[in-house]
């Protein structure tokens, strides 16, 4: 649902590209071609924003590298592998007691 927020910058970039193209059509020389390139660049960035939102939604919330995302030890506990189901209690193994400080 939050991926619909990508429509806001995409719409802004599309409107900016349109304004730049209209204004560049009224100019002459190098400024005209610069305006055309700038307008098409704004349209390209708007398309990339939409494409990025679609690809992020298709990933289904998996972040990081690999097929299951990055290993998050603070979320699932030590010894948990991304291919396994989360264990009961949110921790993979009981924590070992810390060694006593020397006297």
C-alpha atoms as a PDB file:
ATOM      1  CA  UNK A   1       0.000   0.000   0.000  1.00  0.00           C
ATOM      2  CA  UNK A   2       2.836   2.379   0.768  1.00  0.00           C
ATOM      3  CA  UNK A   3       4.179   1.853  -2.714  1.00  0.00           C
ATOM      4  CA  UNK A   4       1.398   4.131  -3.972  1.00  0.00           C
ATOM      5  CA  UNK A   5       3.392   6.954  -2.389  1.00  0.00           C
ATOM      6  CA  UNK A   6       5.779   6.593  -5.326  1.00  0.00           C
ATOM      7  CA  UNK A   7       3.076   8.216  -7.433  1.00  0.00           C
ATOM      8  CA  UNK A   8       3.713  11.572  -5.734  1.00  0.00           C
ATOM      9  CA  UNK A   9       7.321  12.080  -6.926  1.00  0.00           C
ATOM     10  CA  UNK A  10       6.511  10.428 -10.255  1.00  0.00           C
ATOM     11  CA  UNK A  11       3.664  12.887 -10.815  1.00  0.00           C
ATOM     12  CA  UNK A  12       5.855  15.820  -9.792  1.00  0.00           C
ATOM     13  CA  UNK A  13       8.608  14.710 -12.181  1.00  0.00           C
ATOM     14  CA  UNK A  14       6.103  14.237 -15.004  1.00  0.00           C
ATOM     15  CA  UNK A  15       4.650  17.717 -14.476  1.00  0.00           C
ATOM     16  CA  UNK A  16       8.130  19.235 -14.272  1.00  0.00           C
ATOM     17  CA  UNK A  17       9.128  17.468 -17.477  1.00  0.00           C
ATOM     18  CA  UNK A  18       6.023  18.732 -19.237  1.00  0.00           C
ATOM     19  CA  UNK A  19       6.621  22.324 -18.073  1.00  0.00           C
ATOM     20  CA  UNK A  20      10.251  22.164 -19.174  1.00  0.00           C
ATOM     21  CA  UNK A  21       9.251  20.810 -22.592  1.00  0.00           C
ATOM     22  CA  UNK A  22       6.627  23.535 -23.082  1.00  0.00           C
ATOM     23  CA  UNK A  23       9.038  26.278 -22.041  1.00  0.00           C
ATOM     24  CA  UNK A  24      11.853  24.906 -24.171  1.00  0.00           C
ATOM     25  CA  UNK A  25       9.579  24.897 -27.224  1.00  0.00           C
ATOM     26  CA  UNK A  26       9.354  28.676 -26.898  1.00  0.00           C
ATOM     27  CA  UNK A  27      13.123  29.200 -26.885  1.00  0.00           C
ATOM     28  CA  UNK A  28      15.763  28.954 -29.588  1.00  0.00           C
ATOM     29  CA  UNK A  29      19.205  27.457 -30.029  1.00  0.00           C
ATOM     30  CA  UNK A  30      21.100  25.506 -27.410  1.00  0.00           C
ATOM     31  CA  UNK A  31      18.596  26.286 -24.664  1.00  0.00           C
ATOM     32  CA  UNK A  32      15.886  24.571 -26.700  1.00  0.00           C
ATOM     33  CA  UNK A  33      17.813  21.301 -27.029  1.00  0.00           C
ATOM     34  CA  UNK A  34      18.914  21.458 -23.382  1.00  0.00           C
ATOM     35  CA  UNK A  35      15.260  21.860 -22.361  1.00  0.00           C
ATOM     36  CA  UNK A  36      14.214  18.910 -24.495  1.00  0.00           C
ATOM     37  CA  UNK A  37      16.887  16.691 -22.936  1.00  0.00           C
ATOM     38  CA  UNK A  38      15.982  17.908 -19.455  1.00  0.00           C
ATOM     39  CA  UNK A  39      12.285  17.225 -20.049  1.00  0.00           C
ATOM     40  CA  UNK A  40      12.921  13.727 -21.343  1.00  0.00           C
ATOM     41  CA  UNK A  41      15.265  13.104 -18.409  1.00  0.00           C
ATOM     42  CA  UNK A  42      12.460  14.071 -15.991  1.00  0.00           C
ATOM     43  CA  UNK A  43      10.109  11.628 -17.767  1.00  0.00           C
ATOM     44  CA  UNK A  44      12.772   8.916 -17.529  1.00  0.00           C
ATOM     45  CA  UNK A  45      13.239   9.505 -13.796  1.00  0.00           C
ATOM     46  CA  UNK A  46       9.470   9.361 -13.262  1.00  0.00           C
ATOM     47  CA  UNK A  47       9.350   6.024 -15.069  1.00  0.00           C
ATOM     48  CA  UNK A  48      12.239   4.719 -12.966  1.00  0.00           C
ATOM     49  CA  UNK A  49      10.447   5.718  -9.761  1.00  0.00           C
ATOM     50  CA  UNK A  50       7.342   3.769 -10.835  1.00  0.00           C
ATOM     51  CA  UNK A  51       9.460   0.800 -11.967  1.00  0.00           C
ATOM     52  CA  UNK A  52      11.315   0.801  -8.637  1.00  0.00           C
ATOM     53  CA  UNK A  53       8.028   0.769  -6.721  1.00  0.00           C
ATOM     54  CA  UNK A  54       6.751  -2.134  -8.825  1.00  0.00           C
ATOM     55  CA  UNK A  55       9.950  -4.121  -8.308  1.00  0.00           C
ATOM     56  CA  UNK A  56       9.959  -3.399  -4.564  1.00  0.00           C
ATOM     57  CA  UNK A  57       6.370  -4.612  -4.312  1.00  0.00           C
ATOM     58  CA  UNK A  58       7.227  -7.734  -6.314  1.00  0.00           C
ATOM     59  CA  UNK A  59      10.031  -8.620  -3.890  1.00  0.00           C
ATOM     60  CA  UNK A  60       7.443  -8.944  -1.151  1.00  0.00           C
ATOM     61  CA  UNK A  61       9.390  -7.250   1.624  1.00  0.00           C
ATOM     62  CA  UNK A  62      12.608  -9.260   1.283  1.00  0.00           C
ATOM     63  CA  UNK A  63      15.547  -6.945   1.748  1.00  0.00           C
ATOM     64  CA  UNK A  64      19.231  -7.502   1.170  1.00  0.00           C
ATOM     65  CA  UNK A  65      21.042 -10.019  -0.973  1.00  0.00           C
ATOM     66  CA  UNK A  66      20.264 -13.601  -1.842  1.00  0.00           C
ATOM     67  CA  UNK A  67      16.982 -15.434  -2.265  1.00  0.00           C
ATOM     68  CA  UNK A  68      15.800 -14.889   1.320  1.00  0.00           C
ATOM     69  CA  UNK A  69      17.357 -11.516   2.091  1.00  0.00           C
ATOM     70  CA  UNK A  70      20.096 -10.730   4.546  1.00  0.00           C
ATOM     71  CA  UNK A  71      20.444 -12.581   7.841  1.00  0.00           C
ATOM     72  CA  UNK A  72      19.045 -10.469  10.681  1.00  0.00           C
ATOM     73  CA  UNK A  73      20.438 -11.863  13.970  1.00  0.00           C
ATOM     74  CA  UNK A  74      18.804  -9.156  16.089  1.00  0.00           C
ATOM     75  CA  UNK A  75      15.375 -10.181  14.814  1.00  0.00           C
ATOM     76  CA  UNK A  76      15.491 -13.974  14.770  1.00  0.00           C
ATOM     77  CA  UNK A  77      18.313 -14.821  17.154  1.00  0.00           C
ATOM     78  CA  UNK A  78      21.692 -16.510  16.652  1.00  0.00           C
ATOM     79  CA  UNK A  79      21.834 -19.663  14.601  1.00  0.00           C
ATOM     80  CA  UNK A  80      18.737 -18.862  12.593  1.00  0.00           C
ATOM     81  CA  UNK A  81      19.015 -19.331   8.844  1.00  0.00           C
ATOM     82  CA  UNK A  82      16.861 -17.294   6.402  1.00  0.00           C
ATOM     83  CA  UNK A  83      15.471 -20.521   4.889  1.00  0.00           C
ATOM     84  CA  UNK A  84      14.107 -21.758   8.239  1.00  0.00           C
ATOM     85  CA  UNK A  85      10.858 -20.809   9.883  1.00  0.00           C
ATOM     86  CA  UNK A  86      11.166 -18.531  12.939  1.00  0.00           C
ATOM     87  CA  UNK A  87      11.414 -20.441  16.200  1.00  0.00           C
ATOM     88  CA  UNK A  88       9.179 -20.113  19.223  1.00  0.00           C
ATOM     89  CA  UNK A  89       9.952 -17.119  21.401  1.00  0.00           C
ATOM     90  CA  UNK A  90      11.852 -15.288  18.648  1.00  0.00           C
ATOM     91  CA  UNK A  91      15.234 -16.683  19.691  1.00  0.00           C
ATOM     92  CA  UNK A  92      17.091 -19.609  18.168  1.00  0.00           C
ATOM     93  CA  UNK A  93      18.934 -20.722  21.289  1.00  0.00           C
ATOM     94  CA  UNK A  94      19.089 -19.697  24.939  1.00  0.00           C
ATOM     95  CA  UNK A  95      21.772 -17.140  25.648  1.00  0.00           C
ATOM     96  CA  UNK A  96      24.874 -18.407  27.401  1.00  0.00           C
ATOM     97  CA  UNK A  97      25.737 -16.715  30.691  1.00  0.00           C
ATOM     98  CA  UNK A  98      28.497 -14.152  30.512  1.00  0.00           C
ATOM     99  CA  UNK A  99      31.822 -15.206  32.087  1.00  0.00           C
ATOM    100  CA  UNK A 100      32.500 -13.799  35.536  1.00  0.00           C
ATOM    101  CA  UNK A 101      34.921 -10.856  35.603  1.00  0.00           C
ATOM    102  CA  UNK A 102      38.395 -11.595  37.041  1.00  0.00           C
ATOM    103  CA  UNK A 103      39.043 -10.542  40.644  1.00  0.00           C
END
